[in-house]
C-alpha atoms as a PDB file:
ATOM      1  CA  MET A   1       0.000   0.000   0.000  1.00  0.00           C
ATOM      2  CA  LEU A   2       1.129   3.539  -0.705  1.00  0.00           C
ATOM      3  CA  PRO A   3       1.916   5.614   2.397  1.00  0.00           C
ATOM      4  CA  ILE A   4      -0.628   8.321   3.186  1.00  0.00           C
ATOM      5  CA  PRO A   5       1.261  11.577   3.842  1.00  0.00           C
ATOM      6  CA  ALA A   6       0.109  13.768   6.725  1.00  0.00           C
ATOM      7  CA  ARG A   7      -0.377  16.661   4.304  1.00  0.00           C
ATOM      8  CA  PHE A   8      -3.455  14.848   2.938  1.00  0.00           C
ATOM      9  CA  ARG A   9      -5.324  15.991   6.021  1.00  0.00           C
ATOM     10  CA  SER A  10      -4.458  19.672   5.516  1.00  0.00           C
ATOM     11  CA  ASP A  11      -4.765  19.983   1.728  1.00  0.00           C
ATOM     12  CA  ARG A  12      -8.038  21.837   1.235  1.00  0.00           C
ATOM     13  CA  ARG A  13      -7.863  21.582  -2.544  1.00  0.00           C
ATOM     14  CA  LEU A  14      -7.596  17.822  -2.295  1.00  0.00           C
ATOM     15  CA  HIS A  15     -10.551  17.729   0.100  1.00  0.00           C
ATOM     16  CA  LEU A  16     -12.612  19.872  -2.279  1.00  0.00           C
ATOM     17  CA  GLY A  17     -11.672  17.637  -5.185  1.00  0.00           C
ATOM     18  CA  VAL A  18     -12.598  14.467  -3.293  1.00  0.00           C
ATOM     19  CA  VAL A  19     -15.973  15.886  -2.231  1.00  0.00           C
ATOM     20  CA  THR A  20     -16.711  17.049  -5.774  1.00  0.00           C
ATOM     21  CA  LEU A  21     -15.712  13.715  -7.237  1.00  0.00           C
ATOM     22  CA  VAL A  22     -17.790  11.784  -4.704  1.00  0.00           C
ATOM     23  CA  LEU A  23     -20.853  13.881  -5.572  1.00  0.00           C
ATOM     24  CA  VAL A  24     -20.368  13.179  -9.295  1.00  0.00           C
ATOM     25  CA  ILE A  25     -19.939   9.450  -8.651  1.00  0.00           C
ATOM     26  CA  VAL A  26     -23.031   9.330  -6.436  1.00  0.00           C
ATOM     27  CA  ALA A  27     -25.007  11.200  -9.103  1.00  0.00           C
ATOM     28  CA  GLY A  28     -23.931   8.672 -11.714  1.00  0.00           C
ATOM     29  CA  LEU A  29     -24.416   5.544  -9.634  1.00  0.00           C
ATOM     30  CA  PHE A  30     -27.827   6.519  -8.289  1.00  0.00           C
ATOM     31  CA  ALA A  31     -29.096   8.350 -11.386  1.00  0.00           C
ATOM     32  CA  PRO A  32     -32.102   6.012 -11.858  1.00  0.00           C
ATOM     33  CA  TRP A  33     -33.299   6.833  -8.342  1.00  0.00           C
ATOM     34  CA  LEU A  34     -32.313  10.513  -8.259  1.00  0.00           C
ATOM     35  CA  SER A  35     -33.812  11.378 -11.647  1.00  0.00           C
ATOM     36  CA  PRO A  36     -37.280  12.920 -11.350  1.00  0.00           C
ATOM     37  CA  HIS A  37     -38.225  11.856 -14.904  1.00  0.00           C
ATOM     38  CA  ASP A  38     -37.315   9.337 -17.578  1.00  0.00           C
ATOM     39  CA  PRO A  39     -34.296  10.825 -19.397  1.00  0.00           C
ATOM     40  CA  LEU A  40     -35.444   9.369 -22.731  1.00  0.00           C
ATOM     41  CA  ALA A  41     -39.135  10.215 -22.525  1.00  0.00           C
ATOM     42  CA  GLY A  42     -40.115  13.333 -24.431  1.00  0.00           C
ATOM     43  CA  ASP A  43     -43.171  15.493 -23.840  1.00  0.00           C
ATOM     44  CA  LEU A  44     -44.001  18.018 -26.562  1.00  0.00           C
ATOM     45  CA  GLY A  45     -46.251  19.770 -24.085  1.00  0.00           C
ATOM     46  CA  ALA A  46     -43.154  20.633 -22.031  1.00  0.00           C
ATOM     47  CA  TYR A  47     -41.179  21.991 -24.995  1.00  0.00           C
ATOM     48  CA  LEU A  48     -38.229  24.156 -23.798  1.00  0.00           C
ATOM     49  CA  ARG A  49     -39.795  24.764 -20.421  1.00  0.00           C
ATOM     50  CA  GLU A  50     -37.758  27.083 -18.228  1.00  0.00           C
ATOM     51  CA  PRO A  51     -36.095  25.770 -15.050  1.00  0.00           C
ATOM     52  CA  GLY A  52     -38.438  25.494 -12.083  1.00  0.00           C
ATOM     53  CA  GLY A  53     -41.315  23.478 -10.725  1.00  0.00           C
ATOM     54  CA  LEU A  54     -41.420  19.926 -12.065  1.00  0.00           C
ATOM     55  CA  TYR A  55     -38.281  20.563 -14.124  1.00  0.00           C
ATOM     56  CA  PRO A  56     -35.540  22.072 -11.891  1.00  0.00           C
ATOM     57  CA  LEU A  57     -33.167  22.486 -14.856  1.00  0.00           C
ATOM     58  CA  GLY A  58     -35.804  22.925 -17.541  1.00  0.00           C
ATOM     59  CA  THR A  59     -36.468  20.780 -20.595  1.00  0.00           C
ATOM     60  CA  ASP A  60     -34.906  20.445 -24.042  1.00  0.00           C
ATOM     61  CA  ALA A  61     -36.397  20.775 -27.518  1.00  0.00           C
ATOM     62  CA  GLN A  62     -38.060  17.364 -27.196  1.00  0.00           C
ATOM     63  CA  GLY A  63     -39.536  18.051 -23.779  1.00  0.00           C
ATOM     64  CA  ARG A  64     -37.063  15.818 -21.947  1.00  0.00           C
ATOM     65  CA  ASP A  65     -36.024  16.691 -18.418  1.00  0.00           C
ATOM     66  CA  VAL A  66     -32.531  18.210 -18.486  1.00  0.00           C
ATOM     67  CA  LEU A  67     -31.755  17.288 -14.867  1.00  0.00           C
ATOM     68  CA  SER A  68     -32.523  13.624 -15.472  1.00  0.00           C
ATOM     69  CA  ARG A  69     -30.371  13.604 -18.592  1.00  0.00           C
ATOM     70  CA  VAL A  70     -27.486  15.320 -16.801  1.00  0.00           C
ATOM     71  CA  LEU A  71     -27.585  12.713 -14.024  1.00  0.00           C
ATOM     72  CA  HIS A  72     -27.577   9.832 -16.499  1.00  0.00           C
ATOM     73  CA  GLY A  73     -24.894  11.589 -18.537  1.00  0.00           C
ATOM     74  CA  ALA A  74     -22.640  11.393 -15.484  1.00  0.00           C
ATOM     75  CA  ARG A  75     -22.756   7.607 -15.746  1.00  0.00           C
ATOM     76  CA  VAL A  76     -21.629   7.694 -19.371  1.00  0.00           C
ATOM     77  CA  SER A  77     -18.772  10.122 -18.710  1.00  0.00           C
ATOM     78  CA  LEU A  78     -17.506   8.192 -15.683  1.00  0.00           C
ATOM     79  CA  VAL A  79     -17.657   4.840 -17.447  1.00  0.00           C
ATOM     80  CA  VAL A  80     -15.891   6.225 -20.534  1.00  0.00           C
ATOM     81  CA  GLY A  81     -13.225   7.832 -18.351  1.00  0.00           C
ATOM     82  CA  LEU A  82     -12.566   4.701 -16.302  1.00  0.00           C
ATOM     83  CA  VAL A  83     -12.657   2.148 -19.133  1.00  0.00           C
ATOM     84  CA  SER A  84     -10.644   4.197 -21.621  1.00  0.00           C
ATOM     85  CA  GLN A  85      -8.071   5.006 -18.944  1.00  0.00           C
ATOM     86  CA  SER A  86      -7.826   1.301 -18.172  1.00  0.00           C
ATOM     87  CA  VAL A  87      -6.915   0.709 -21.818  1.00  0.00           C
ATOM     88  CA  THR A  88      -4.367   3.522 -21.596  1.00  0.00           C
ATOM     89  CA  LEU A  89      -2.853   2.044 -18.426  1.00  0.00           C
ATOM     90  CA  LEU A  90      -2.657  -1.460 -19.857  1.00  0.00           C
ATOM     91  CA  LEU A  91      -0.873  -0.337 -23.004  1.00  0.00           C
ATOM     92  CA  GLY A  92       1.141   2.548 -21.610  1.00  0.00           C
ATOM     93  CA  VAL A  93       2.452   0.837 -18.467  1.00  0.00           C
ATOM     94  CA  THR A  94       3.272  -2.418 -20.278  1.00  0.00           C
ATOM     95  CA  LEU A  95       5.073  -0.794 -23.206  1.00  0.00           C
ATOM     96  CA  GLY A  96       6.780   1.785 -20.971  1.00  0.00           C
ATOM     97  CA  LEU A  97       8.183  -0.929 -18.689  1.00  0.00           C
ATOM     98  CA  LEU A  98       9.409  -2.959 -21.643  1.00  0.00           C
ATOM     99  CA  ALA A  99      11.071   0.090 -23.196  1.00  0.00           C
ATOM    100  CA  GLY A 100      12.738   1.156 -19.957  1.00  0.00           C
ATOM    101  CA  TRP A 101      13.935  -2.312 -19.010  1.00  0.00           C
ATOM    102  CA  TYR A 102      15.187  -3.784 -22.283  1.00  0.00           C
ATOM    103  CA  GLY A 103      16.376  -0.613 -23.992  1.00  0.00           C
ATOM    104  CA  ARG A 104      18.087  -0.780 -27.409  1.00  0.00           C
ATOM    105  CA  TRP A 105      15.797  -1.644 -30.316  1.00  0.00           C
ATOM    106  CA  VAL A 106      12.830  -2.396 -28.057  1.00  0.00           C
ATOM    107  CA  GLU A 107      13.013   1.081 -26.517  1.00  0.00           C
ATOM    108  CA  SER A 108      13.703   2.717 -29.868  1.00  0.00           C
ATOM    109  CA  GLY A 109      10.729   1.064 -31.559  1.00  0.00           C
ATOM    110  CA  ILE A 110       8.245   1.784 -28.769  1.00  0.00           C
ATOM    111  CA  MET A 111       9.370   5.389 -28.281  1.00  0.00           C
ATOM    112  CA  ARG A 112       9.302   6.174 -32.017  1.00  0.00           C
ATOM    113  CA  LEU A 113       5.750   4.839 -32.152  1.00  0.00           C
ATOM    114  CA  ALA A 114       4.903   7.018 -29.143  1.00  0.00           C
ATOM    115  CA  ASP A 115       6.496  10.042 -30.831  1.00  0.00           C
ATOM    116  CA  ILE A 116       4.397   9.482 -33.948  1.00  0.00           C
ATOM    117  CA  THR A 117       1.239   9.255 -31.840  1.00  0.00           C
ATOM    118  CA  LEU A 118       2.091  12.412 -29.906  1.00  0.00           C
ATOM    119  CA  ALA A 119       2.979  14.299 -33.094  1.00  0.00           C
ATOM    120  CA  PHE A 120      -0.673  14.429 -34.133  1.00  0.00           C
ATOM    121  CA  PRO A 121      -3.081  16.875 -32.450  1.00  0.00           C
ATOM    122  CA  THR A 122      -5.015  14.726 -29.991  1.00  0.00           C
ATOM    123  CA  LEU A 123      -8.483  15.911 -30.948  1.00  0.00           C
ATOM    124  CA  LEU A 124      -7.861  15.540 -34.678  1.00  0.00           C
ATOM    125  CA  LEU A 125      -6.443  12.047 -34.166  1.00  0.00           C
ATOM    126  CA  LEU A 126      -9.476  11.092 -32.061  1.00  0.00           C
ATOM    127  CA  ILE A 127     -11.864  12.374 -34.716  1.00  0.00           C
ATOM    128  CA  ALA A 128      -9.958  10.652 -37.534  1.00  0.00           C
ATOM    129  CA  ILE A 129      -9.975   7.257 -35.833  1.00  0.00           C
ATOM    130  CA  ALA A 130     -13.565   7.553 -34.609  1.00  0.00           C
ATOM    131  CA  ALA A 131     -14.749   8.588 -38.094  1.00  0.00           C
ATOM    132  CA  ALA A 132     -13.217   5.470 -39.632  1.00  0.00           C
ATOM    133  CA  VAL A 133     -15.538   3.087 -37.753  1.00  0.00           C
ATOM    134  CA  PRO A 134     -19.240   3.171 -36.848  1.00  0.00           C
ATOM    135  CA  PRO A 135     -19.620   5.258 -33.676  1.00  0.00           C
ATOM    136  CA  SER A 136     -20.598   3.446 -30.481  1.00  0.00           C
ATOM    137  CA  LEU A 137     -19.814   3.460 -26.783  1.00  0.00           C
ATOM    138  CA  PHE A 138     -17.291   0.627 -27.206  1.00  0.00           C
ATOM    139  CA  VAL A 139     -15.509   2.474 -30.007  1.00  0.00           C
ATOM    140  CA  THR A 140     -15.339   5.570 -27.798  1.00  0.00           C
ATOM    141  CA  PHE A 141     -13.647   3.517 -25.051  1.00  0.00           C
ATOM    142  CA  LEU A 142     -11.144   2.050 -27.455  1.00  0.00           C
ATOM    143  CA  VAL A 143     -10.311   5.195 -29.397  1.00  0.00           C
ATOM    144  CA  ILE A 144      -9.658   7.377 -26.350  1.00  0.00           C
ATOM    145  CA  GLY A 145      -7.598   4.631 -24.698  1.00  0.00           C
ATOM    146  CA  LEU A 146      -5.464   4.021 -27.795  1.00  0.00           C
ATOM    147  CA  VAL A 147      -4.728   7.699 -28.303  1.00  0.00           C
ATOM    148  CA  GLY A 148      -3.683   8.248 -24.680  1.00  0.00           C
ATOM    149  CA  TRP A 149      -1.180   5.403 -24.288  1.00  0.00           C
ATOM    150  CA  ALA A 150       1.868   7.272 -25.586  1.00  0.00           C
ATOM    151  CA  ALA A 151       2.112   9.856 -22.789  1.00  0.00           C
ATOM    152  CA  MET A 152       1.730   7.130 -20.155  1.00  0.00           C
ATOM    153  CA  ALA A 153       4.407   4.993 -21.839  1.00  0.00           C
ATOM    154  CA  ARG A 154       6.881   7.893 -21.858  1.00  0.00           C
ATOM    155  CA  LEU A 155       6.265   8.561 -18.161  1.00  0.00           C
ATOM    156  CA  VAL A 156       6.714   4.902 -17.166  1.00  0.00           C
ATOM    157  CA  ARG A 157       9.748   4.446 -19.393  1.00  0.00           C
ATOM    158  CA  GLY A 158      11.504   7.416 -17.805  1.00  0.00           C
ATOM    159  CA  GLN A 159      10.895   6.099 -14.293  1.00  0.00           C
ATOM    160  CA  ALA A 160      11.884   2.551 -15.288  1.00  0.00           C
ATOM    161  CA  LEU A 161      15.239   3.800 -16.587  1.00  0.00           C
ATOM    162  CA  VAL A 162      15.987   5.183 -13.119  1.00  0.00           C
ATOM    163  CA  LEU A 163      14.651   2.230 -11.132  1.00  0.00           C
ATOM    164  CA  ARG A 164      16.501  -0.442 -13.099  1.00  0.00           C
ATOM    165  CA  GLU A 165      19.804   0.993 -11.832  1.00  0.00           C
ATOM    166  CA  MET A 166      18.791   0.717  -8.181  1.00  0.00           C
ATOM    167  CA  GLU A 167      20.711  -1.632  -5.882  1.00  0.00           C
ATOM    168  CA  TYR A 168      17.740  -3.826  -5.026  1.00  0.00           C
ATOM    169  CA  VAL A 169      17.150  -4.452  -8.741  1.00  0.00           C
ATOM    170  CA  ALA A 170      20.822  -5.312  -9.242  1.00  0.00           C
ATOM    171  CA  ALA A 171      20.599  -7.687  -6.279  1.00  0.00           C
ATOM    172  CA  SER A 172      17.544  -9.399  -7.763  1.00  0.00           C
ATOM    173  CA  ARG A 173      19.326  -9.852 -11.084  1.00  0.00           C
ATOM    174  CA  ALA A 174      22.389 -11.238  -9.320  1.00  0.00           C
ATOM    175  CA  LEU A 175      20.188 -13.782  -7.559  1.00  0.00           C
ATOM    176  CA  GLY A 176      18.889 -14.940 -10.940  1.00  0.00           C
ATOM    177  CA  ALA A 177      15.416 -13.402 -10.874  1.00  0.00           C
ATOM    178  CA  ALA A 178      13.787 -13.357 -14.304  1.00  0.00           C
ATOM    179  CA  ALA A 179      12.919 -10.074 -15.991  1.00  0.00           C
ATOM    180  CA  PRO A 180       9.110 -10.526 -15.674  1.00  0.00           C
ATOM    181  CA  ARG A 181       9.470 -11.099 -11.919  1.00  0.00           C
ATOM    182  CA  ILE A 182      11.653  -8.011 -11.475  1.00  0.00           C
ATOM    183  CA  LEU A 183       9.257  -5.877 -13.499  1.00  0.00           C
ATOM    184  CA  TRP A 184       6.235  -7.121 -11.570  1.00  0.00           C
ATOM    185  CA  ARG A 185       7.669  -7.321  -8.039  1.00  0.00           C
ATOM    186  CA  HIS A 186      10.115  -4.414  -7.970  1.00  0.00           C
ATOM    187  CA  LEU A 187       9.641  -1.841 -10.728  1.00  0.00           C
ATOM    188  CA  LEU A 188       5.867  -1.717 -10.985  1.00  0.00           C
ATOM    189  CA  PRO A 189       5.187  -1.256  -7.221  1.00  0.00           C
ATOM    190  CA  ASN A 190       7.588   1.697  -7.173  1.00  0.00           C
ATOM    191  CA  LEU A 191       5.739   3.304 -10.076  1.00  0.00           C
ATOM    192  CA  ARG A 192       2.328   3.223  -8.444  1.00  0.00           C
ATOM    193  CA  ALA A 193       2.321   6.799  -7.208  1.00  0.00           C
ATOM    194  CA  GLN A 194       3.211   8.295 -10.595  1.00  0.00           C
ATOM    195  CA  VAL A 195       0.795   6.010 -12.434  1.00  0.00           C
ATOM    196  CA  ILE A 196      -2.114   6.769 -10.080  1.00  0.00           C
ATOM    197  CA  ILE A 197      -1.536  10.514 -10.422  1.00  0.00           C
ATOM    198  CA  ALA A 198      -1.323  10.321 -14.207  1.00  0.00           C
ATOM    199  CA  ALA A 199      -4.394   8.081 -14.369  1.00  0.00           C
ATOM    200  CA  THR A 200      -6.450  10.470 -12.223  1.00  0.00           C
ATOM    201  CA  LEU A 201      -5.629  13.380 -14.508  1.00  0.00           C
ATOM    202  CA  GLY A 202      -6.084  11.102 -17.523  1.00  0.00           C
ATOM    203  CA  ILE A 203      -9.668  10.263 -16.543  1.00  0.00           C
ATOM    204  CA  ALA A 204     -10.485  13.976 -16.673  1.00  0.00           C
ATOM    205  CA  GLY A 205      -8.905  14.204 -20.117  1.00  0.00           C
ATOM    206  CA  ALA A 206     -10.839  11.139 -21.278  1.00  0.00           C
ATOM    207  CA  MET A 207     -14.127  12.681 -20.133  1.00  0.00           C
ATOM    208  CA  MET A 208     -13.329  15.838 -22.083  1.00  0.00           C
ATOM    209  CA  ALA A 209     -12.408  13.756 -25.124  1.00  0.00           C
ATOM    210  CA  GLU A 210     -15.677  11.831 -24.936  1.00  0.00           C
ATOM    211  CA  ALA A 211     -17.594  15.096 -24.720  1.00  0.00           C
ATOM    212  CA  ALA A 212     -15.736  16.429 -27.764  1.00  0.00           C
ATOM    213  CA  LEU A 213     -16.451  13.295 -29.798  1.00  0.00           C
ATOM    214  CA  SER A 214     -20.116  13.305 -28.778  1.00  0.00           C
ATOM    215  CA  PHE A 215     -20.350  17.002 -29.632  1.00  0.00           C
ATOM    216  CA  VAL A 216     -19.356  16.292 -33.246  1.00  0.00           C
ATOM    217  CA  GLY A 217     -21.537  13.163 -33.417  1.00  0.00           C
ATOM    218  CA  LEU A 218     -18.757  10.549 -33.270  1.00  0.00           C
ATOM    219  CA  GLY A 219     -19.112   9.481 -29.649  1.00  0.00           C
ATOM    220  CA  VAL A 220     -22.088   8.214 -27.680  1.00  0.00           C
ATOM    221  CA  GLN A 221     -25.081   8.174 -29.988  1.00  0.00           C
ATOM    222  CA  PRO A 222     -28.550   9.592 -29.251  1.00  0.00           C
ATOM    223  CA  PRO A 223     -30.832   9.073 -27.456  1.00  0.00           C
ATOM    224  CA  THR A 224     -28.296   7.961 -24.801  1.00  0.00           C
ATOM    225  CA  PRO A 225     -27.632  10.991 -22.572  1.00  0.00           C
ATOM    226  CA  SER A 226     -24.105  12.334 -22.917  1.00  0.00           C
ATOM    227  CA  TRP A 227     -22.837  15.665 -21.660  1.00  0.00           C
ATOM    228  CA  GLY A 228     -21.098  16.438 -24.930  1.00  0.00           C
ATOM    229  CA  GLY A 229     -24.126  15.398 -26.955  1.00  0.00           C
ATOM    230  CA  MET A 230     -26.424  17.520 -24.790  1.00  0.00           C
ATOM    231  CA  VAL A 231     -24.223  20.574 -25.307  1.00  0.00           C
ATOM    232  CA  ALA A 232     -24.362  19.949 -29.053  1.00  0.00           C
ATOM    233  CA  GLU A 233     -28.161  19.592 -28.979  1.00  0.00           C
ATOM    234  CA  GLY A 234     -28.533  22.966 -27.268  1.00  0.00           C
ATOM    235  CA  ARG A 235     -25.969  24.982 -29.231  1.00  0.00           C
ATOM    236  CA  ASP A 236     -28.627  26.344 -31.599  1.00  0.00           C
ATOM    237  CA  LEU A 237     -30.866  27.261 -28.642  1.00  0.00           C
ATOM    238  CA  LEU A 238     -28.424  29.386 -26.657  1.00  0.00           C
ATOM    239  CA  ARG A 239     -30.427  32.564 -27.245  1.00  0.00           C
ATOM    240  CA  VAL A 240     -33.812  31.142 -26.270  1.00  0.00           C
ATOM    241  CA  ALA A 241     -32.965  28.213 -23.953  1.00  0.00           C
ATOM    242  CA  PRO A 242     -29.382  28.464 -22.669  1.00  0.00           C
ATOM    243  CA  TRP A 243     -30.040  25.928 -19.901  1.00  0.00           C
ATOM    244  CA  VAL A 244     -30.075  23.062 -22.410  1.00  0.00           C
ATOM    245  CA  SER A 245     -26.326  23.463 -23.025  1.00  0.00           C
ATOM    246  CA  LEU A 246     -25.374  25.224 -19.817  1.00  0.00           C
ATOM    247  CA  ALA A 247     -26.410  22.449 -17.410  1.00  0.00           C
ATOM    248  CA  PRO A 248     -24.348  19.622 -18.982  1.00  0.00           C
ATOM    249  CA  GLY A 249     -21.468  22.021 -19.633  1.00  0.00           C
ATOM    250  CA  VAL A 250     -21.317  23.025 -15.970  1.00  0.00           C
ATOM    251  CA  ALA A 251     -21.609  19.384 -14.882  1.00  0.00           C
ATOM    252  CA  LEU A 252     -18.680  18.416 -17.111  1.00  0.00           C
ATOM    253  CA  GLY A 253     -16.627  21.336 -15.827  1.00  0.00           C
ATOM    254  CA  VAL A 254     -17.305  20.431 -12.191  1.00  0.00           C
ATOM    255  CA  ALA A 255     -16.375  16.771 -12.750  1.00  0.00           C
ATOM    256  CA  VAL A 256     -13.128  17.649 -14.540  1.00  0.00           C
ATOM    257  CA  LEU A 257     -12.275  20.234 -11.875  1.00  0.00           C
ATOM    258  CA  GLY A 258     -12.766  17.656  -9.128  1.00  0.00           C
ATOM    259  CA  LEU A 259     -10.502  15.138 -10.857  1.00  0.00           C
ATOM    260  CA  ASN A 260      -7.821  17.745 -11.499  1.00  0.00           C
ATOM    261  CA  LEU A 261      -7.875  18.877  -7.870  1.00  0.00           C
ATOM    262  CA  VAL A 262      -7.504  15.271  -6.709  1.00  0.00           C
ATOM    263  CA  GLY A 263      -4.682  14.630  -9.175  1.00  0.00           C
ATOM    264  CA  GLU A 264      -2.802  17.777  -8.210  1.00  0.00           C
ATOM    265  CA  GLY A 265      -3.326  17.042  -4.517  1.00  0.00           C
ATOM    266  CA  LEU A 266      -1.912  13.543  -4.901  1.00  0.00           C
ATOM    267  CA  ARG A 267       1.041  14.898  -6.868  1.00  0.00           C
ATOM    268  CA  GLU A 268       1.928  17.433  -4.192  1.00  0.00           C
ATOM    269  CA  ALA A 269       1.575  14.806  -1.457  1.00  0.00           C
ATOM    270  CA  TRP A 270       3.529  11.993  -3.085  1.00  0.00           C
ATOM    271  CA  GLU A 271       5.961  14.085  -5.145  1.00  0.00           C
ATOM    272  CA  PRO A 272       6.614  17.218  -3.041  1.00  0.00           C
ATOM    273  CA  LYS A 273       9.911  17.967  -4.851  1.00  0.00           C
ATOM    274  CA  ARG A 274       7.966  18.555  -8.081  1.00  0.00           C
END
């Protein structure tokens, strides 16, 4: 287990981030019970109704309750963030460890592939890959995870280069320990802090990426509630019904802010020299 520094208890930004993140998670997990209306059911009689009364955040152009859709959209954003970041971790940590440990042509090949990936603007690369296949939730997971692996691999590779020169690693090699055992038992545990911090910040980036893809119609497809899709649906109504786009936009901003505060708090606690 990672040690819990005493500064955790006094870091107000970290506390604010944790509280914010917990509220978003609770909203997503309990959306079916917290939602006052069916997020998919439209009512033309409630067309663009202003916030208040039965509809605390108003309704959209199809008479659907915005609050209910925002709550269910939290589930989509959280799932996309967690699953896509899991793909990023699997690829990035594995390839980064291999590059840092073996070096030579293995490192050169992996890092050149990472450089090529990082050379493209992230959003354009996401759109290009997503446009090449039929859009779906699974494709969104995969695309965001594949695009994000390079930065994680570079981080892990840099740390692995330092750790492989440590005395305890040299002792393990002298005792005849195989490379997979050293990577799993010695290098990976000492990378946990950096990986957790990067993953926390990466989830926020993945949620933003999902919103961007959904905004241009290449992410989660209607009628499934998605914060990015909801912002796109309300962009032509900003003058007459700003709440349609404003509510999901604020929700996305709050969720990303909470994750960033947690990530920065963990970084300051576990890596105070940085």
